Amino acid sequence: MSHVSETWNPADTGVLRLPSGRLVRGRALRRPLPAGATPSFAVYLLGKRPPEVSWEARWLRWPDFRLPSSHAQARAVLGEAWARAGDERVEIACGGGRGRSGTALACLAVLDGVPAGQAVDFVRRHYDRHAVETPWQRRYVRRFVP
């Protein structure tokens, strides 16, 4: 029996292809859930607990325009997201889908081998040109240690 990959369609809205080929979807929670496949695992970057979903999810406390409340938890959760993106549909989402999600996606790019100093540009080129909204979010990515 052959193994069928359970990852995203690269053409789907918000899907970022990392250099390793892993696909991760960034999303704005203020917008409706996109049509098609649902995540098998999601990381929600919000200041307050997210609503319940029917798939496995982690909540990383991360207030809007800020940084994660726990850097150790952020490293752990983003590491899990990166590992699971190898063969699962992983979603990274915040309210608007740009600042916190872009920062987290840039950190996943660092985990995937993109130099930390180039990760924000990588995400802006391949995900959203407005991703990673604040100077401290950019600094967080530059200092992110895999």
Protein backbone atom coordinates (compact mmCIF):
# COMPACT_ATOMS: atom_id res chain seq x y z
CA MET A 1 0.00 0.00 0.00
CA SER A 2 1.49 3.37 -0.98
CA HIS A 3 1.70 6.30 1.40
CA VAL A 4 -0.39 9.24 0.21
CA SER A 5 0.97 12.59 1.35
CA GLU A 6 -1.45 14.58 3.45
CA THR A 7 0.07 18.01 2.81
CA TRP A 8 -1.36 21.14 1.21
CA ASN A 9 -1.87 21.79 -2.47
CA PRO A 10 0.93 24.29 -3.28
CA ALA A 11 -1.58 26.38 -5.29
CA ASP A 12 -3.90 26.88 -2.31
CA THR A 13 -4.23 30.38 -0.85
CA GLY A 14 -1.66 31.18 1.83
CA VAL A 15 0.51 28.11 1.25
CA LEU A 16 4.24 28.72 1.67
CA ARG A 17 6.75 26.25 0.23
CA LEU A 18 9.86 26.07 2.38
CA PRO A 19 13.21 25.24 0.72
CA SER A 20 12.95 21.59 1.88
CA GLY A 21 9.64 21.26 0.02
CA ARG A 22 7.54 21.33 3.20
CA LEU A 23 4.26 23.21 2.71
CA VAL A 24 2.73 25.33 5.48
CA ARG A 25 -0.41 27.46 5.24
CA GLY A 26 -0.59 30.89 6.81
CA ARG A 27 -4.06 32.27 7.47
CA ALA A 28 -6.03 35.17 8.90
CA LEU A 29 -8.53 33.97 11.49
CA ARG A 30 -10.66 37.06 10.85
CA ARG A 31 -11.41 35.65 7.39
CA PRO A 32 -13.55 32.58 6.70
CA LEU A 33 -11.89 29.17 6.58
CA PRO A 34 -10.74 28.62 2.97
CA ALA A 35 -12.58 26.02 0.91
CA GLY A 36 -10.97 22.63 0.50
CA ALA A 37 -8.80 20.63 2.85
CA THR A 38 -8.67 21.49 6.54
CA PRO A 39 -5.51 21.44 8.64
CA SER A 40 -4.46 18.28 10.44
CA PHE A 41 -2.46 20.45 12.87
CA ALA A 42 -2.61 24.18 13.55
CA VAL A 43 -0.78 26.75 15.63
CA TYR A 44 -2.88 29.74 16.69
CA LEU A 45 -0.96 32.88 17.61
CA LEU A 46 -3.37 34.94 19.68
CA GLY A 47 -3.49 36.98 22.88
CA LYS A 48 -6.49 34.97 24.11
CA ARG A 49 -7.54 31.35 23.76
CA PRO A 50 -8.76 30.51 20.22
CA PRO A 51 -12.12 28.90 19.51
CA GLU A 52 -12.28 25.10 19.45
CA VAL A 53 -11.57 23.41 16.13
CA SER A 54 -12.07 19.83 14.94
CA TRP A 55 -8.33 19.29 14.25
CA GLU A 56 -5.36 19.15 16.59
CA ALA A 57 -4.19 22.63 17.53
CA ARG A 58 -1.76 24.43 19.81
CA TRP A 59 -2.30 27.90 21.22
CA LEU A 60 0.76 30.08 21.52
CA ARG A 61 -0.05 33.19 23.56
CA TRP A 62 1.10 36.00 21.28
CA PRO A 63 -0.63 39.41 21.58
CA ASP A 64 -1.19 41.38 18.36
CA PHE A 65 1.85 43.39 17.16
CA ARG A 66 3.96 41.82 19.93
CA LEU A 67 6.17 38.77 20.47
CA PRO A 68 5.31 35.37 21.96
CA SER A 69 4.76 35.42 25.72
CA SER A 70 7.15 32.46 26.10
CA HIS A 71 10.13 32.18 23.77
CA ALA A 72 10.83 28.61 24.94
CA GLN A 73 7.23 27.57 24.20
CA ALA A 74 7.42 29.33 20.82
CA ARG A 75 10.56 27.38 19.88
CA ALA A 76 8.94 24.11 20.95
CA VAL A 77 5.60 24.69 19.19
CA LEU A 78 7.19 26.03 16.00
CA GLY A 79 9.63 23.11 16.00
CA GLU A 80 6.69 20.71 16.24
CA ALA A 81 4.90 22.56 13.40
CA TRP A 82 8.00 22.37 11.18
CA ALA A 83 8.47 18.64 11.86
CA ARG A 84 4.81 17.82 11.23
CA ALA A 85 4.73 19.85 7.99
CA GLY A 86 6.81 17.08 6.42
CA ASP A 87 3.72 14.93 5.95
CA GLU A 88 0.75 16.79 7.45
CA ARG A 89 -1.34 19.88 6.63
CA VAL A 90 0.04 22.43 9.10
CA GLU A 91 -1.56 25.84 9.46
CA ILE A 92 -0.12 28.90 11.20
CA ALA A 93 -2.75 31.55 11.92
CA CYS A 94 -3.33 34.83 13.74
CA GLY A 95 -5.98 37.54 13.47
CA GLY A 96 -4.79 39.19 10.26
CA GLY A 97 -2.47 36.50 8.91
CA ARG A 98 0.51 38.84 8.41
CA GLY A 99 2.41 40.00 11.50
CA ARG A 100 2.41 37.09 13.92
CA SER A 101 1.81 34.47 11.22
CA GLY A 102 4.52 35.98 9.02
CA THR A 103 6.94 36.05 11.97
CA ALA A 104 6.18 32.39 12.79
CA LEU A 105 6.52 31.38 9.12
CA ALA A 106 9.89 33.17 8.99
CA CYS A 107 10.97 31.19 12.06
CA LEU A 108 9.88 27.98 10.30
CA ALA A 109 12.01 29.08 7.33
CA VAL A 110 14.98 29.41 9.73
CA LEU A 111 14.27 25.89 11.02
CA ASP A 112 14.21 24.78 7.38
CA GLY A 113 17.69 26.18 6.71
CA VAL A 114 17.06 29.75 5.53
CA PRO A 115 19.65 32.03 7.20
CA ALA A 116 17.94 34.04 9.96
CA GLY A 117 18.97 37.33 8.32
CA GLN A 118 17.17 36.33 5.09
CA ALA A 119 14.05 34.66 6.50
CA VAL A 120 11.83 37.78 6.60
CA ASP A 121 12.63 38.55 2.94
CA PHE A 122 11.95 34.90 2.05
CA VAL A 123 8.48 35.02 3.65
CA ARG A 124 7.70 38.41 2.10
CA ARG A 125 8.65 37.08 -1.33
CA HIS A 126 6.82 33.76 -1.11
CA TYR A 127 3.90 34.34 1.30
CA ASP A 128 2.85 37.99 1.78
CA ARG A 129 4.85 41.11 0.97
CA HIS A 130 3.52 42.74 4.18
CA ALA A 131 4.44 39.82 6.46
CA VAL A 132 6.36 40.48 9.70
CA GLU A 133 4.95 43.89 10.56
CA THR A 134 7.07 45.38 13.35
CA PRO A 135 10.79 46.04 13.94
CA TRP A 136 10.75 43.77 17.01
CA GLN A 137 9.15 40.94 15.00
CA ARG A 138 11.96 41.30 12.41
CA ARG A 139 14.56 41.29 15.22
CA TYR A 140 12.90 38.20 16.77
CA VAL A 141 13.35 36.31 13.48
CA ARG A 142 16.99 37.46 13.12
CA ARG A 143 17.69 36.15 16.63
CA PHE A 144 15.63 32.95 16.32
CA VAL A 145 17.81 29.96 17.15
CA PRO A 146 16.78 26.56 15.78
